Amino acid sequence: MIEREVIPVEPVYADDVAPFFKEKGVKEECECCGKKDWIIINNLFGIATLMCDDDLTAGFTPTIIVQCTNCGNMRLFNRAHLNLEKDKKL
């Protein structure tokens, strides 16, 4: 049996990411429909990664998914890059 490390992850809300998005100039308008209504998807905490170079390496990238409520367009952000206060406590 493979042992896996379980890392607790707290949900992320708009108030958590808004300062980062503002600082980085992330546009509020959806690229597809132009609306400004977004939700954060909190039931997916990361994506699996597979690197194929000299060695085959698997990993995990913690993610934040922001979805347009009008058209369903999704934006994917690397959670580690957002440097959230709640993640510093882990």
Protein backbone atom coordinates (compact mmCIF):
# COMPACT_ATOMS: atom_id res chain seq x y z
CA MET A 1 0.00 0.00 0.00
CA ILE A 2 1.27 3.47 -0.92
CA GLU A 3 1.36 5.96 1.93
CA ARG A 4 0.15 9.42 1.10
CA GLU A 5 0.66 12.63 2.96
CA VAL A 6 -2.61 14.43 3.67
CA ILE A 7 -2.31 18.21 3.72
CA PRO A 8 -5.29 20.12 5.12
CA VAL A 9 -6.50 22.80 2.73
CA GLU A 10 -8.90 25.54 3.72
CA PRO A 11 -11.47 26.86 1.24
CA VAL A 12 -10.61 30.10 -0.55
CA TYR A 13 -13.05 32.99 -0.89
CA ALA A 14 -13.17 36.16 -2.98
CA ASP A 15 -11.87 38.27 -0.07
CA ASP A 16 -8.79 36.02 0.11
CA VAL A 17 -7.73 36.50 -3.52
CA ALA A 18 -9.02 40.02 -4.29
CA PRO A 19 -5.90 41.84 -2.99
CA PHE A 20 -3.58 39.66 -5.11
CA PHE A 21 -5.74 40.04 -8.23
CA LYS A 22 -5.89 43.81 -7.78
CA GLU A 23 -2.12 44.08 -7.25
CA LYS A 24 -1.40 42.00 -10.36
CA GLY A 25 -3.98 43.77 -12.54
CA VAL A 26 -6.19 40.74 -13.12
CA LYS A 27 -9.14 41.99 -15.18
CA GLU A 28 -12.59 41.64 -13.64
CA GLU A 29 -14.28 41.18 -17.02
CA CYS A 30 -14.61 37.66 -18.36
CA GLU A 31 -12.53 37.16 -21.52
CA CYS A 32 -15.41 35.29 -23.16
CA CYS A 33 -18.60 37.19 -22.29
CA GLY A 34 -17.49 40.45 -20.64
CA LYS A 35 -19.47 39.90 -17.41
CA LYS A 36 -17.92 40.54 -13.97
CA ASP A 37 -19.63 37.78 -11.96
CA TRP A 38 -17.21 35.13 -10.68
CA ILE A 39 -17.31 32.29 -8.14
CA ILE A 40 -14.42 30.32 -6.69
CA ILE A 41 -14.61 26.55 -7.11
CA ASN A 42 -13.56 25.01 -3.78
CA ASN A 43 -14.06 21.30 -4.50
CA LEU A 44 -10.85 20.89 -6.54
CA PHE A 45 -7.65 21.70 -4.68
CA GLY A 46 -5.04 20.88 -7.28
CA ILE A 47 -4.05 19.28 -10.53
CA ALA A 48 -1.73 16.38 -11.10
CA THR A 49 1.41 17.13 -13.06
CA LEU A 50 3.63 14.80 -15.03
CA MET A 51 7.04 15.86 -16.30
CA CYS A 52 8.70 13.86 -19.01
CA ASP A 53 12.38 14.70 -19.18
CA ASP A 54 15.28 12.35 -18.36
CA ASP A 55 13.16 10.94 -15.52
CA LEU A 56 9.42 10.59 -15.30
CA THR A 57 8.32 12.82 -12.42
CA ALA A 58 4.81 13.15 -11.02
CA GLY A 59 3.65 15.95 -8.76
CA PHE A 60 0.77 18.07 -7.62
CA THR A 61 0.07 21.77 -8.17
CA PRO A 62 -2.31 23.44 -5.71
CA THR A 63 -4.84 25.49 -7.66
CA ILE A 64 -7.55 28.11 -7.34
CA ILE A 65 -10.30 27.95 -9.96
CA VAL A 66 -12.37 31.07 -10.62
CA GLN A 67 -15.46 30.51 -12.80
CA CYS A 68 -17.67 33.02 -14.63
CA THR A 69 -21.26 32.56 -13.46
CA ASN A 70 -22.59 33.68 -16.85
CA CYS A 71 -20.72 31.54 -19.38
CA GLY A 72 -18.72 29.04 -17.28
CA ASN A 73 -15.30 30.26 -18.44
CA MET A 74 -12.70 29.16 -15.88
CA ARG A 75 -9.44 30.79 -14.82
CA LEU A 76 -6.83 28.61 -13.16
CA PHE A 77 -4.31 30.07 -10.69
CA ASN A 78 -1.42 28.41 -8.87
CA ARG A 79 -2.44 28.61 -5.20
CA ALA A 80 1.17 28.62 -4.00
CA HIS A 81 1.88 31.73 -6.08
CA LEU A 82 -1.01 33.64 -4.46
CA ASN A 83 0.81 33.56 -1.09
CA LEU A 84 -2.45 33.45 0.91
CA GLU A 85 -2.33 34.20 4.65
CA LYS A 86 -4.33 31.06 5.45
CA ASP A 87 -1.73 28.89 3.67
CA LYS A 88 1.13 30.34 5.73
CA LYS A 89 -0.38 28.72 8.84
CA LEU A 90 -0.09 25.18 7.42
